[in-house]
Amino acid sequence: MLTLAWPWLLILLPLPFIIRKKSQSTEQGGHLHLSGVEPLSLQSSNIKQSLTRKRYWLIWGLLVLSAARPLWMGDPIDLPAKGRDLMLSVDLSGSMQIEDMQINGQSVDRFTLVQHVLSNFIERRKGDRIGLILFADHAYLQSPLTLDRRSVAQFLTEAQIGLVGKQTAIGEAIALAVKRFDNIDKSNRVLILLTDGSNNAGSISPEQAAAIAEKRGIKIYTVGIGADVMERRTLFGTERVNPSMDLDEAQLKSIANTTGGRYFRARNPQELQQIYQEIDKLEPISRDQLTYRPQSELFYWPLSIALIVSILIALSYLPWFPSFTFRQTSKRDPSQQNTVKGRS
């Protein structure tokens, strides 16, 4: 169905006519003659002015129509009446750039693995509302809970390590999620926290934040990211090191146990994907039935036509451009010339 977002703007259509009438009532004078331009006959001039005015009216009408935002409304679509509310909290500290993970046999850093797995996870969450929190020195809400999974996945793809600092504020990430869930009545209230370190920043400790989350009925699933063993080259050959020494698994387990959640250890993509099955076990919460109608913007069509007409009018004043107005010859009929001479 074709409709206008701002139909009241159509009242501007007669504005040029009103201004023209007002100016005609206050101005007096004859024709304007330009030096170097051959004057046209009165009839030819009137025809040309009439055509020009019509084109200007067409341009004005198209511009007003474009400003009114024509829309094409699709058929109503029912949104899922049941679903889960899942807030994703992702660590962007500097240690997330350690390349101790593999995807299809290729070494990648930890954050690339998180992006890869969570993108698939988000895609599977049809009917669930997804939110995204990014944290390092502090926690920031990147996306509130929404059914728009594509936007959340895009925000995660565009995030970069070090974007919000280099430290790890786990407590603030939990507290921010608690604050966002406070605005929702019927909800599963699930927070999935992914980190590779221990809390070393922020104004609230993870234990304090977890205690508040437990009182608010928020279940936290914690995910510890990082391999157990990593080989690196030195001057004396290759040595094996533990790249996850900073990971505080005891703290993450405590947070999960306090809120009734579960702790996951993610050393590879397969272990990280285990959270799929756990989240699928959660019972969806019934919501009010909502519908939406897809819409497509059409304002660019009248705007483009107005631009094309404006360009054609401008080109018509160039001597080499073929005119598209009806011109009449300025030569008079010989009989009329004789009549004029006789009168003189």
C-alpha atoms as a PDB file:
ATOM      1  CA  MET A   1       0.000   0.000   0.000  1.00  0.00           C
ATOM      2  CA  LEU A   2       1.307   3.429  -0.952  1.00  0.00           C
ATOM      3  CA  THR A   3       1.174   6.047   1.805  1.00  0.00           C
ATOM      4  CA  LEU A   4       2.866   9.245   2.988  1.00  0.00           C
ATOM      5  CA  ALA A   5       4.779   9.516   6.239  1.00  0.00           C
ATOM      6  CA  TRP A   6       4.163  13.282   6.526  1.00  0.00           C
ATOM      7  CA  PRO A   7       1.068  14.054   4.406  1.00  0.00           C
ATOM      8  CA  TRP A   8       0.556  17.432   6.088  1.00  0.00           C
ATOM      9  CA  LEU A   9       3.499  18.774   4.033  1.00  0.00           C
ATOM     10  CA  LEU A  10       1.231  18.739   0.968  1.00  0.00           C
ATOM     11  CA  ILE A  11      -0.256  22.029   2.190  1.00  0.00           C
ATOM     12  CA  LEU A  12       2.919  23.636   0.787  1.00  0.00           C
ATOM     13  CA  LEU A  13       1.891  22.859  -2.806  1.00  0.00           C
ATOM     14  CA  PRO A  14       0.069  26.200  -3.483  1.00  0.00           C
ATOM     15  CA  LEU A  15       2.823  28.272  -1.816  1.00  0.00           C
ATOM     16  CA  PRO A  16       4.491  29.460  -5.092  1.00  0.00           C
ATOM     17  CA  PHE A  17       1.067  30.424  -6.516  1.00  0.00           C
ATOM     18  CA  ILE A  18       0.314  32.527  -3.434  1.00  0.00           C
ATOM     19  CA  ILE A  19       3.699  34.247  -3.576  1.00  0.00           C
ATOM     20  CA  ARG A  20       3.326  34.915  -7.325  1.00  0.00           C
ATOM     21  CA  LYS A  21      -0.111  36.459  -6.906  1.00  0.00           C
ATOM     22  CA  LYS A  22       1.136  38.680  -4.133  1.00  0.00           C
ATOM     23  CA  SER A  23       4.135  39.853  -6.158  1.00  0.00           C
ATOM     24  CA  GLN A  24       1.975  40.589  -9.224  1.00  0.00           C
ATOM     25  CA  SER A  25      -0.300  42.821  -7.176  1.00  0.00           C
ATOM     26  CA  THR A  26       2.623  44.953  -5.969  1.00  0.00           C
ATOM     27  CA  GLU A  27       4.837  45.094  -9.045  1.00  0.00           C
ATOM     28  CA  GLN A  28       4.369  47.019 -12.270  1.00  0.00           C
ATOM     29  CA  GLY A  29       6.473  47.167 -15.396  1.00  0.00           C
ATOM     30  CA  GLY A  30       6.934  45.955 -18.911  1.00  0.00           C
ATOM     31  CA  HIS A  31       8.905  43.218 -20.515  1.00  0.00           C
ATOM     32  CA  LEU A  32      12.500  42.601 -19.615  1.00  0.00           C
ATOM     33  CA  HIS A  33      14.872  42.870 -22.568  1.00  0.00           C
ATOM     34  CA  LEU A  34      18.433  41.514 -22.374  1.00  0.00           C
ATOM     35  CA  SER A  35      21.159  42.997 -24.539  1.00  0.00           C
ATOM     36  CA  GLY A  36      22.296  40.677 -27.274  1.00  0.00           C
ATOM     37  CA  VAL A  37      19.097  38.607 -27.200  1.00  0.00           C
ATOM     38  CA  GLU A  38      16.624  38.850 -30.051  1.00  0.00           C
ATOM     39  CA  PRO A  39      13.127  39.706 -28.682  1.00  0.00           C
ATOM     40  CA  LEU A  40      10.410  37.171 -29.365  1.00  0.00           C
ATOM     41  CA  SER A  41       6.869  37.864 -30.462  1.00  0.00           C
ATOM     42  CA  LEU A  42       4.292  38.242 -27.737  1.00  0.00           C
ATOM     43  CA  GLN A  43       2.553  34.980 -28.602  1.00  0.00           C
ATOM     44  CA  SER A  44       5.827  33.011 -28.671  1.00  0.00           C
ATOM     45  CA  SER A  45       6.871  34.560 -25.382  1.00  0.00           C
ATOM     46  CA  ASN A  46       3.589  33.630 -23.729  1.00  0.00           C
ATOM     47  CA  ILE A  47       3.885  30.033 -24.935  1.00  0.00           C
ATOM     48  CA  LYS A  48       7.423  29.747 -23.636  1.00  0.00           C
ATOM     49  CA  GLN A  49       6.531  31.305 -20.274  1.00  0.00           C
ATOM     50  CA  SER A  50       3.578  28.969 -19.906  1.00  0.00           C
ATOM     51  CA  LEU A  51       5.712  25.896 -20.575  1.00  0.00           C
ATOM     52  CA  THR A  52       8.424  27.108 -18.207  1.00  0.00           C
ATOM     53  CA  ARG A  53       5.896  27.733 -15.440  1.00  0.00           C
ATOM     54  CA  LYS A  54       4.507  24.222 -15.868  1.00  0.00           C
ATOM     55  CA  ARG A  55       7.961  22.749 -15.530  1.00  0.00           C
ATOM     56  CA  TYR A  56       8.640  24.777 -12.398  1.00  0.00           C
ATOM     57  CA  TRP A  57       5.306  23.673 -10.959  1.00  0.00           C
ATOM     58  CA  LEU A  58       6.229  20.083 -11.737  1.00  0.00           C
ATOM     59  CA  ILE A  59       9.567  20.456  -9.951  1.00  0.00           C
ATOM     60  CA  TRP A  60       7.950  22.071  -6.914  1.00  0.00           C
ATOM     61  CA  GLY A  61       5.277  19.383  -6.726  1.00  0.00           C
ATOM     62  CA  LEU A  62       7.881  16.623  -6.922  1.00  0.00           C
ATOM     63  CA  LEU A  63       9.988  18.249  -4.191  1.00  0.00           C
ATOM     64  CA  VAL A  64       7.001  18.584  -1.857  1.00  0.00           C
ATOM     65  CA  LEU A  65       6.005  14.993  -2.573  1.00  0.00           C
ATOM     66  CA  SER A  66       9.523  13.833  -1.801  1.00  0.00           C
ATOM     67  CA  ALA A  67       9.549  15.795   1.471  1.00  0.00           C
ATOM     68  CA  ALA A  68       6.270  14.106   2.454  1.00  0.00           C
ATOM     69  CA  ARG A  69       8.177  10.762   2.358  1.00  0.00           C
ATOM     70  CA  PRO A  70       6.141   8.383   0.191  1.00  0.00           C
ATOM     71  CA  LEU A  71       6.325   4.826   1.548  1.00  0.00           C
ATOM     72  CA  TRP A  72       5.332   1.432   0.281  1.00  0.00           C
ATOM     73  CA  MET A  73       3.851  -0.532   3.197  1.00  0.00           C
ATOM     74  CA  GLY A  74       3.972  -4.317   3.021  1.00  0.00           C
ATOM     75  CA  ASP A  75       1.517  -6.756   4.574  1.00  0.00           C
ATOM     76  CA  PRO A  76       1.509  -7.000   8.411  1.00  0.00           C
ATOM     77  CA  ILE A  77       3.839  -9.650   9.822  1.00  0.00           C
ATOM     78  CA  ASP A  78       3.333 -11.199  13.261  1.00  0.00           C
ATOM     79  CA  LEU A  79       6.399 -11.195  15.497  1.00  0.00           C
ATOM     80  CA  PRO A  80       7.147 -14.270  17.625  1.00  0.00           C
ATOM     81  CA  ALA A  81       5.023 -14.214  20.776  1.00  0.00           C
ATOM     82  CA  LYS A  82       7.552 -16.321  22.716  1.00  0.00           C
ATOM     83  CA  GLY A  83      11.265 -15.910  23.136  1.00  0.00           C
ATOM     84  CA  ARG A  84      14.216 -15.340  25.419  1.00  0.00           C
ATOM     85  CA  ASP A  85      16.017 -12.169  26.449  1.00  0.00           C
ATOM     86  CA  LEU A  86      19.774 -12.635  26.089  1.00  0.00           C
ATOM     87  CA  MET A  87      22.376  -9.985  26.810  1.00  0.00           C
ATOM     88  CA  LEU A  88      25.847 -10.659  25.387  1.00  0.00           C
ATOM     89  CA  SER A  89      28.776  -9.077  27.221  1.00  0.00           C
ATOM     90  CA  VAL A  90      32.047  -9.297  25.261  1.00  0.00           C
ATOM     91  CA  ASP A  91      35.557  -8.524  26.506  1.00  0.00           C
ATOM     92  CA  LEU A  92      37.538  -6.113  24.281  1.00  0.00           C
ATOM     93  CA  SER A  93      40.664  -5.879  26.448  1.00  0.00           C
ATOM     94  CA  GLY A  94      44.134  -6.033  24.919  1.00  0.00           C
ATOM     95  CA  SER A  95      44.653  -9.717  25.715  1.00  0.00           C
ATOM     96  CA  MET A  96      41.850 -10.650  23.318  1.00  0.00           C
ATOM     97  CA  GLN A  97      44.300 -10.153  20.445  1.00  0.00           C
ATOM     98  CA  ILE A  98      46.436 -13.167  21.478  1.00  0.00           C
ATOM     99  CA  GLU A  99      46.482 -15.610  18.553  1.00  0.00           C
ATOM    100  CA  ASP A 100      46.005 -18.922  20.332  1.00  0.00           C
ATOM    101  CA  MET A 101      42.774 -19.995  18.606  1.00  0.00           C
ATOM    102  CA  GLN A 102      42.146 -21.792  15.343  1.00  0.00           C
ATOM    103  CA  ILE A 103      39.297 -21.658  12.812  1.00  0.00           C
ATOM    104  CA  ASN A 104      39.437 -24.249  10.043  1.00  0.00           C
ATOM    105  CA  GLY A 105      43.111 -24.892  10.745  1.00  0.00           C
ATOM    106  CA  GLN A 106      44.078 -21.211  10.631  1.00  0.00           C
ATOM    107  CA  SER A 107      45.439 -19.383  13.674  1.00  0.00           C
ATOM    108  CA  VAL A 108      43.311 -16.423  14.749  1.00  0.00           C
ATOM    109  CA  ASP A 109      43.097 -14.195  17.800  1.00  0.00           C
ATOM    110  CA  ARG A 110      40.553 -14.749  20.543  1.00  0.00           C
ATOM    111  CA  PHE A 111      38.236 -11.943  19.541  1.00  0.00           C
ATOM    112  CA  THR A 112      38.039 -13.203  15.946  1.00  0.00           C
ATOM    113  CA  LEU A 113      36.930 -16.575  17.318  1.00  0.00           C
ATOM    114  CA  VAL A 114      34.292 -14.893  19.492  1.00  0.00           C
ATOM    115  CA  GLN A 115      33.000 -12.922  16.502  1.00  0.00           C
ATOM    116  CA  HIS A 116      32.847 -16.075  14.386  1.00  0.00           C
ATOM    117  CA  VAL A 117      30.989 -18.203  16.925  1.00  0.00           C
ATOM    118  CA  LEU A 118      28.692 -15.492  18.270  1.00  0.00           C
ATOM    119  CA  SER A 119      27.643 -14.464  14.756  1.00  0.00           C
ATOM    120  CA  ASN A 120      26.294 -17.983  14.216  1.00  0.00           C
ATOM    121  CA  PHE A 121      24.791 -17.953  17.690  1.00  0.00           C
ATOM    122  CA  ILE A 122      22.940 -14.687  17.036  1.00  0.00           C
ATOM    123  CA  GLU A 123      21.666 -15.969  13.702  1.00  0.00           C
ATOM    124  CA  ARG A 124      20.096 -18.977  15.440  1.00  0.00           C
ATOM    125  CA  ARG A 125      18.232 -16.896  18.009  1.00  0.00           C
ATOM    126  CA  LYS A 126      15.043 -16.414  16.024  1.00  0.00           C
ATOM    127  CA  GLY A 127      12.330 -15.024  18.292  1.00  0.00           C
ATOM    128  CA  ASP A 128      14.836 -14.061  21.012  1.00  0.00           C
ATOM    129  CA  ARG A 129      15.748 -10.511  21.900  1.00  0.00           C
ATOM    130  CA  ILE A 130      19.508  -9.934  21.825  1.00  0.00           C
ATOM    131  CA  GLY A 131      21.526  -7.131  23.427  1.00  0.00           C
ATOM    132  CA  LEU A 132      25.250  -6.371  23.268  1.00  0.00           C
ATOM    133  CA  ILE A 133      27.604  -4.919  25.902  1.00  0.00           C
ATOM    134  CA  LEU A 134      31.277  -4.250  25.174  1.00  0.00           C
ATOM    135  CA  PHE A 135      33.677  -3.817  28.077  1.00  0.00           C
ATOM    136  CA  ALA A 136      37.337  -3.186  28.814  1.00  0.00           C
ATOM    137  CA  ASP A 137      38.300  -0.247  31.077  1.00  0.00           C
ATOM    138  CA  HIS A 138      34.544   0.364  31.415  1.00  0.00           C
ATOM    139  CA  ALA A 139      31.375  -1.258  30.122  1.00  0.00           C
ATOM    140  CA  TYR A 140      29.310   0.289  27.332  1.00  0.00           C
ATOM    141  CA  LEU A 141      25.921  -0.655  25.917  1.00  0.00           C
ATOM    142  CA  GLN A 142      26.361  -1.205  22.200  1.00  0.00           C
ATOM    143  CA  SER A 143      22.825  -2.450  21.525  1.00  0.00           C
ATOM    144  CA  PRO A 144      19.752  -2.727  23.774  1.00  0.00           C
ATOM    145  CA  LEU A 145      17.603  -5.850  23.703  1.00  0.00           C
ATOM    146  CA  THR A 146      16.124  -6.100  20.231  1.00  0.00           C
ATOM    147  CA  LEU A 147      14.663  -8.569  17.761  1.00  0.00           C
ATOM    148  CA  ASP A 148      16.892  -7.064  15.072  1.00  0.00           C
ATOM    149  CA  ARG A 149      19.537  -9.780  15.055  1.00  0.00           C
ATOM    150  CA  ARG A 150      21.276  -8.404  11.972  1.00  0.00           C
ATOM    151  CA  SER A 151      22.060  -5.102  13.664  1.00  0.00           C
ATOM    152  CA  VAL A 152      23.482  -6.813  16.741  1.00  0.00           C
ATOM    153  CA  ALA A 153      25.658  -9.055  14.553  1.00  0.00           C
ATOM    154  CA  GLN A 154      26.821  -5.984  12.616  1.00  0.00           C
ATOM    155  CA  PHE A 155      27.748  -4.139  15.827  1.00  0.00           C
ATOM    156  CA  LEU A 156      29.785  -7.152  16.930  1.00  0.00           C
ATOM    157  CA  THR A 157      31.528  -7.349  13.550  1.00  0.00           C
ATOM    158  CA  GLU A 158      32.452  -3.655  13.650  1.00  0.00           C
ATOM    159  CA  ALA A 159      33.860  -3.792  17.210  1.00  0.00           C
ATOM    160  CA  GLN A 160      37.644  -3.662  17.568  1.00  0.00           C
ATOM    161  CA  ILE A 161      40.045  -4.694  20.304  1.00  0.00           C
ATOM    162  CA  GLY A 162      41.067  -1.725  22.423  1.00  0.00           C
ATOM    163  CA  LEU A 163      37.997   0.262  21.359  1.00  0.00           C
ATOM    164  CA  VAL A 164      36.995   0.880  25.002  1.00  0.00           C
ATOM    165  CA  GLY A 165      40.378   0.397  26.691  1.00  0.00           C
ATOM    166  CA  LYS A 166      42.829  -2.402  27.485  1.00  0.00           C
ATOM    167  CA  GLN A 167      41.823  -3.581  30.976  1.00  0.00           C
ATOM    168  CA  THR A 168      38.914  -5.797  32.118  1.00  0.00           C
ATOM    169  CA  ALA A 169      35.919  -4.399  34.027  1.00  0.00           C
ATOM    170  CA  ILE A 170      33.866  -7.574  34.557  1.00  0.00           C
ATOM    171  CA  GLY A 171      31.911  -6.121  37.476  1.00  0.00           C
ATOM    172  CA  GLU A 172      30.772  -3.106  35.456  1.00  0.00           C
ATOM    173  CA  ALA A 173      29.688  -5.346  32.582  1.00  0.00           C
ATOM    174  CA  ILE A 174      27.437  -7.324  34.934  1.00  0.00           C
ATOM    175  CA  ALA A 175      26.086  -4.178  36.605  1.00  0.00           C
ATOM    176  CA  LEU A 176      25.219  -2.601  33.252  1.00  0.00           C
ATOM    177  CA  ALA A 177      23.313  -5.725  32.217  1.00  0.00           C
ATOM    178  CA  VAL A 178      21.403  -5.658  35.515  1.00  0.00           C
ATOM    179  CA  LYS A 179      20.417  -2.056  34.854  1.00  0.00           C
ATOM    180  CA  ARG A 180      19.132  -2.878  31.380  1.00  0.00           C
ATOM    181  CA  PHE A 181      17.092  -5.853  32.594  1.00  0.00           C
ATOM    182  CA  ASP A 182      15.436  -3.666  35.246  1.00  0.00           C
ATOM    183  CA  ASN A 183      13.405  -2.029  32.452  1.00  0.00           C
ATOM    184  CA  ILE A 184      11.836  -5.343  31.400  1.00  0.00           C
ATOM    185  CA  ASP A 185       9.044  -7.128  33.293  1.00  0.00           C
ATOM    186  CA  LYS A 186       8.566 -10.488  31.578  1.00  0.00           C
ATOM    187  CA  SER A 187      12.002 -11.838  30.758  1.00  0.00           C
ATOM    188  CA  ASN A 188      14.324 -14.822  31.117  1.00  0.00           C
ATOM    189  CA  ARG A 189      17.043 -12.334  32.109  1.00  0.00           C
ATOM    190  CA  VAL A 190      20.081 -14.192  30.818  1.00  0.00           C
ATOM    191  CA  LEU A 191      23.563 -12.671  30.605  1.00  0.00           C
ATOM    192  CA  ILE A 192      26.322 -14.412  28.620  1.00  0.00           C
ATOM    193  CA  LEU A 193      29.687 -13.026  29.722  1.00  0.00           C
ATOM    194  CA  LEU A 194      32.745 -13.786  27.565  1.00  0.00           C
ATOM    195  CA  THR A 195      36.208 -12.856  28.850  1.00  0.00           C
ATOM    196  CA  ASP A 196      39.804 -14.081  28.843  1.00  0.00           C
ATOM    197  CA  GLY A 197      41.073 -12.385  31.992  1.00  0.00           C
ATOM    198  CA  SER A 198      40.272 -11.325  35.521  1.00  0.00           C
ATOM    199  CA  ASN A 199      38.638  -8.201  36.858  1.00  0.00           C
ATOM    200  CA  ASN A 200      41.214  -5.390  37.144  1.00  0.00           C
ATOM    201  CA  ALA A 201      39.163  -2.260  36.413  1.00  0.00           C
ATOM    202  CA  GLY A 202      35.788  -0.697  37.123  1.00  0.00           C
ATOM    203  CA  SER A 203      34.028   0.735  40.161  1.00  0.00           C
ATOM    204  CA  ILE A 204      32.245  -2.453  41.281  1.00  0.00           C
ATOM    205  CA  SER A 205      33.591  -5.949  41.932  1.00  0.00           C
ATOM    206  CA  PRO A 206      32.243  -8.987  40.084  1.00  0.00           C
ATOM    207  CA  GLU A 207      31.099 -10.524  43.387  1.00  0.00           C
ATOM    208  CA  GLN A 208      29.035  -7.459  44.288  1.00  0.00           C
ATOM    209  CA  ALA A 209      27.532  -7.264  40.815  1.00  0.00           C
ATOM    210  CA  ALA A 210      26.737 -10.991  40.819  1.00  0.00           C
ATOM    211  CA  ALA A 211      24.961 -10.674  44.171  1.00  0.00           C
ATOM    212  CA  ILE A 212      22.777  -7.889  42.775  1.00  0.00           C
ATOM    213  CA  ALA A 213      22.073  -9.923  39.641  1.00  0.00           C
ATOM    214  CA  GLU A 214      21.019 -12.909  41.763  1.00  0.00           C
ATOM    215  CA  LYS A 215      18.515 -10.738  43.663  1.00  0.00           C
ATOM    216  CA  ARG A 216      17.080  -9.437  40.380  1.00  0.00           C
ATOM    217  CA  GLY A 217      16.638 -12.947  38.967  1.00  0.00           C
ATOM    218  CA  ILE A 218      19.363 -12.647  36.335  1.00  0.00           C
ATOM    219  CA  LYS A 219      21.145 -15.848  35.337  1.00  0.00           C
ATOM    220  CA  ILE A 220      24.746 -15.423  34.209  1.00  0.00           C
ATOM    221  CA  TYR A 221      26.582 -17.839  31.931  1.00  0.00           C
ATOM    222  CA  THR A 222      30.312 -17.127  32.032  1.00  0.00           C
ATOM    223  CA  VAL A 223      32.731 -18.175  29.292  1.00  0.00           C
ATOM    224  CA  GLY A 224      36.482 -18.289  29.807  1.00  0.00           C
ATOM    225  CA  ILE A 225      38.329 -17.893  26.513  1.00  0.00           C
ATOM    226  CA  GLY A 226      41.900 -18.971  25.799  1.00  0.00           C
ATOM    227  CA  ALA A 227      43.991 -22.032  24.991  1.00  0.00           C
ATOM    228  CA  ASP A 228      45.863 -24.025  27.632  1.00  0.00           C
ATOM    229  CA  VAL A 229      49.039 -24.373  25.610  1.00  0.00           C
ATOM    230  CA  MET A 230      50.635 -22.167  22.999  1.00  0.00           C
ATOM    231  CA  GLU A 231      53.932 -22.612  21.224  1.00  0.00           C
ATOM    232  CA  ARG A 232      56.161 -19.642  20.562  1.00  0.00           C
ATOM    233  CA  ARG A 233      59.575 -19.258  19.037  1.00  0.00           C
ATOM    234  CA  THR A 234      62.532 -17.969  21.038  1.00  0.00           C
ATOM    235  CA  LEU A 235      66.267 -17.634  20.487  1.00  0.00           C
ATOM    236  CA  PHE A 236      66.706 -21.082  22.012  1.00  0.00           C
ATOM    237  CA  GLY A 237      64.021 -22.802  19.938  1.00  0.00           C
ATOM    238  CA  THR A 238      60.305 -23.392  20.491  1.00  0.00           C
ATOM    239  CA  GLU A 239      58.784 -23.329  23.950  1.00  0.00           C
ATOM    240  CA  ARG A 240      55.303 -24.145  25.218  1.00  0.00           C
ATOM    241  CA  VAL A 241      53.575 -21.553  27.386  1.00  0.00           C
ATOM    242  CA  ASN A 242      50.151 -21.113  28.963  1.00  0.00           C
ATOM    243  CA  PRO A 243      48.535 -18.066  27.313  1.00  0.00           C
ATOM    244  CA  SER A 244      45.586 -18.184  29.740  1.00  0.00           C
ATOM    245  CA  MET A 245      47.500 -17.500  32.939  1.00  0.00           C
ATOM    246  CA  ASP A 246      45.471 -14.335  33.577  1.00  0.00           C
ATOM    247  CA  LEU A 247      42.132 -16.127  33.248  1.00  0.00           C
ATOM    248  CA  ASP A 248      40.446 -16.267  36.662  1.00  0.00           C
ATOM    249  CA  GLU A 249      38.323 -19.389  36.269  1.00  0.00           C
ATOM    250  CA  ALA A 250      37.500 -19.523  39.972  1.00  0.00           C
ATOM    251  CA  GLN A 251      35.930 -16.086  39.811  1.00  0.00           C
ATOM    252  CA  LEU A 252      33.927 -16.890  36.671  1.00  0.00           C
ATOM    253  CA  LYS A 253      32.662 -20.129  38.242  1.00  0.00           C
ATOM    254  CA  SER A 254      31.650 -18.229  41.364  1.00  0.00           C
ATOM    255  CA  ILE A 255      29.674 -15.679  39.326  1.00  0.00           C
ATOM    256  CA  ALA A 256      27.847 -18.436  37.449  1.00  0.00           C
ATOM    257  CA  ASN A 257      27.082 -20.443  40.599  1.00  0.00           C
ATOM    258  CA  THR A 258      25.825 -17.380  42.481  1.00  0.00           C
ATOM    259  CA  THR A 259      23.233 -16.610  39.809  1.00  0.00           C
ATOM    260  CA  GLY A 260      22.272 -20.182  38.920  1.00  0.00           C
ATOM    261  CA  GLY A 261      24.093 -20.170  35.619  1.00  0.00           C
ATOM    262  CA  ARG A 262      26.960 -22.239  34.301  1.00  0.00           C
ATOM    263  CA  TYR A 263      30.638 -21.759  33.485  1.00  0.00           C
ATOM    264  CA  PHE A 264      32.061 -22.772  30.090  1.00  0.00           C
ATOM    265  CA  ARG A 265      35.698 -23.154  29.138  1.00  0.00           C
ATOM    266  CA  ALA A 266      36.298 -22.187  25.515  1.00  0.00           C
ATOM    267  CA  ARG A 267      39.651 -23.467  24.242  1.00  0.00           C
ATOM    268  CA  ASN A 268      38.337 -23.929  20.700  1.00  0.00           C
ATOM    269  CA  PRO A 269      35.217 -23.219  18.619  1.00  0.00           C
ATOM    270  CA  GLN A 270      33.601 -26.551  19.540  1.00  0.00           C
ATOM    271  CA  GLU A 271      33.690 -25.834  23.270  1.00  0.00           C
ATOM    272  CA  LEU A 272      32.372 -22.326  22.759  1.00  0.00           C
ATOM    273  CA  GLN A 273      29.447 -23.667  20.750  1.00  0.00           C
ATOM    274  CA  GLN A 274      28.318 -25.795  23.703  1.00  0.00           C
ATOM    275  CA  ILE A 275      26.462 -22.785  25.003  1.00  0.00           C
ATOM    276  CA  TYR A 276      23.953 -23.255  22.154  1.00  0.00           C
ATOM    277  CA  GLN A 277      22.536 -26.378  23.718  1.00  0.00           C
ATOM    278  CA  GLU A 278      22.373 -24.869  27.201  1.00  0.00           C
ATOM    279  CA  ILE A 279      20.508 -21.759  26.062  1.00  0.00           C
ATOM    280  CA  ASP A 280      18.080 -23.863  24.009  1.00  0.00           C
ATOM    281  CA  LYS A 281      17.028 -25.600  27.223  1.00  0.00           C
ATOM    282  CA  LEU A 282      15.659 -22.362  28.628  1.00  0.00           C
ATOM    283  CA  GLU A 283      11.876 -22.074  28.451  1.00  0.00           C
ATOM    284  CA  PRO A 284      10.800 -19.155  26.222  1.00  0.00           C
ATOM    285  CA  ILE A 285       8.774 -16.433  27.896  1.00  0.00           C
ATOM    286  CA  SER A 286       5.374 -15.474  26.462  1.00  0.00           C
ATOM    287  CA  ARG A 287       5.120 -11.886  25.305  1.00  0.00           C
ATOM    288  CA  ASP A 288       2.361  -9.675  23.991  1.00  0.00           C
ATOM    289  CA  GLN A 289       1.629 -10.376  20.334  1.00  0.00           C
ATOM    290  CA  LEU A 290       3.253  -7.692  18.201  1.00  0.00           C
ATOM    291  CA  THR A 291       3.091  -7.045  14.489  1.00  0.00           C
ATOM    292  CA  TYR A 292       5.052  -4.868  12.136  1.00  0.00           C
ATOM    293  CA  ARG A 293       4.705  -3.826   8.532  1.00  0.00           C
ATOM    294  CA  PRO A 294       7.819  -3.718   6.349  1.00  0.00           C
ATOM    295  CA  GLN A 295       8.195  -0.437   4.545  1.00  0.00           C
ATOM    296  CA  SER A 296      10.293   0.832   1.669  1.00  0.00           C
ATOM    297  CA  GLU A 297      11.270   4.463   1.152  1.00  0.00           C
ATOM    298  CA  LEU A 298      10.194   5.900  -2.217  1.00  0.00           C
ATOM    299  CA  PHE A 299      11.157   9.560  -1.773  1.00  0.00           C
ATOM    300  CA  TYR A 300      14.145   9.200  -4.103  1.00  0.00           C
ATOM    301  CA  TRP A 301      11.878   8.634  -7.125  1.00  0.00           C
ATOM    302  CA  PRO A 302      10.179  12.082  -7.187  1.00  0.00           C
ATOM    303  CA  LEU A 303      13.446  13.653  -6.049  1.00  0.00           C
ATOM    304  CA  SER A 304      15.327  12.089  -8.977  1.00  0.00           C
ATOM    305  CA  ILE A 305      12.670  13.185 -11.486  1.00  0.00           C
ATOM    306  CA  ALA A 306      12.804  16.740 -10.122  1.00  0.00           C
ATOM    307  CA  LEU A 307      16.585  16.752 -10.525  1.00  0.00           C
ATOM    308  CA  ILE A 308      16.368  15.511 -14.116  1.00  0.00           C
ATOM    309  CA  VAL A 309      13.785  18.143 -15.074  1.00  0.00           C
ATOM    310  CA  SER A 310      15.917  20.866 -13.435  1.00  0.00           C
ATOM    311  CA  ILE A 311      18.956  19.778 -15.430  1.00  0.00           C
ATOM    312  CA  LEU A 312      16.965  19.796 -18.695  1.00  0.00           C
ATOM    313  CA  ILE A 313      15.706  23.320 -18.003  1.00  0.00           C
ATOM    314  CA  ALA A 314      19.226  24.527 -17.267  1.00  0.00           C
ATOM    315  CA  LEU A 315      20.577  22.903 -20.445  1.00  0.00           C
ATOM    316  CA  SER A 316      17.791  24.438 -22.565  1.00  0.00           C
ATOM    317  CA  TYR A 317      19.363  27.881 -22.073  1.00  0.00           C
ATOM    318  CA  LEU A 318      22.596  26.741 -23.716  1.00  0.00           C
ATOM    319  CA  PRO A 319      22.778  27.657 -27.439  1.00  0.00           C
ATOM    320  CA  TRP A 320      24.018  24.217 -28.514  1.00  0.00           C
ATOM    321  CA  PHE A 321      21.346  22.255 -26.644  1.00  0.00           C
ATOM    322  CA  PRO A 322      18.199  21.365 -28.676  1.00  0.00           C
ATOM    323  CA  SER A 323      15.297  23.292 -27.206  1.00  0.00           C
ATOM    324  CA  PHE A 324      12.130  21.496 -26.211  1.00  0.00           C
ATOM    325  CA  THR A 325       9.896  24.595 -26.292  1.00  0.00           C
ATOM    326  CA  PHE A 326       7.538  25.635 -29.073  1.00  0.00           C
ATOM    327  CA  ARG A 327       9.111  28.632 -30.786  1.00  0.00           C
ATOM    328  CA  GLN A 328       7.584  30.675 -33.554  1.00  0.00           C
ATOM    329  CA  THR A 329       9.446  32.566 -36.240  1.00  0.00           C
ATOM    330  CA  SER A 330       9.904  36.248 -35.633  1.00  0.00           C
ATOM    331  CA  LYS A 331       9.321  37.029 -39.328  1.00  0.00           C
ATOM    332  CA  ARG A 332       5.963  38.581 -40.103  1.00  0.00           C
ATOM    333  CA  ASP A 333       3.690  37.784 -43.016  1.00  0.00           C
ATOM    334  CA  PRO A 334       4.391  40.097 -45.998  1.00  0.00           C
ATOM    335  CA  SER A 335       0.774  41.222 -46.114  1.00  0.00           C
ATOM    336  CA  GLN A 336       0.975  42.243 -42.453  1.00  0.00           C
ATOM    337  CA  GLN A 337       4.149  44.202 -43.157  1.00  0.00           C
ATOM    338  CA  ASN A 338       2.440  46.102 -45.987  1.00  0.00           C
ATOM    339  CA  THR A 339      -0.506  46.884 -43.755  1.00  0.00           C
ATOM    340  CA  VAL A 340       1.771  48.274 -41.112  1.00  0.00           C
ATOM    341  CA  LYS A 341       3.613  50.411 -43.640  1.00  0.00           C
ATOM    342  CA  GLY A 342       0.331  51.786 -45.011  1.00  0.00           C
ATOM    343  CA  ARG A 343      -0.816  52.812 -41.567  1.00  0.00           C
ATOM    344  CA  SER A 344       2.429  54.545 -40.918  1.00  0.00           C
END
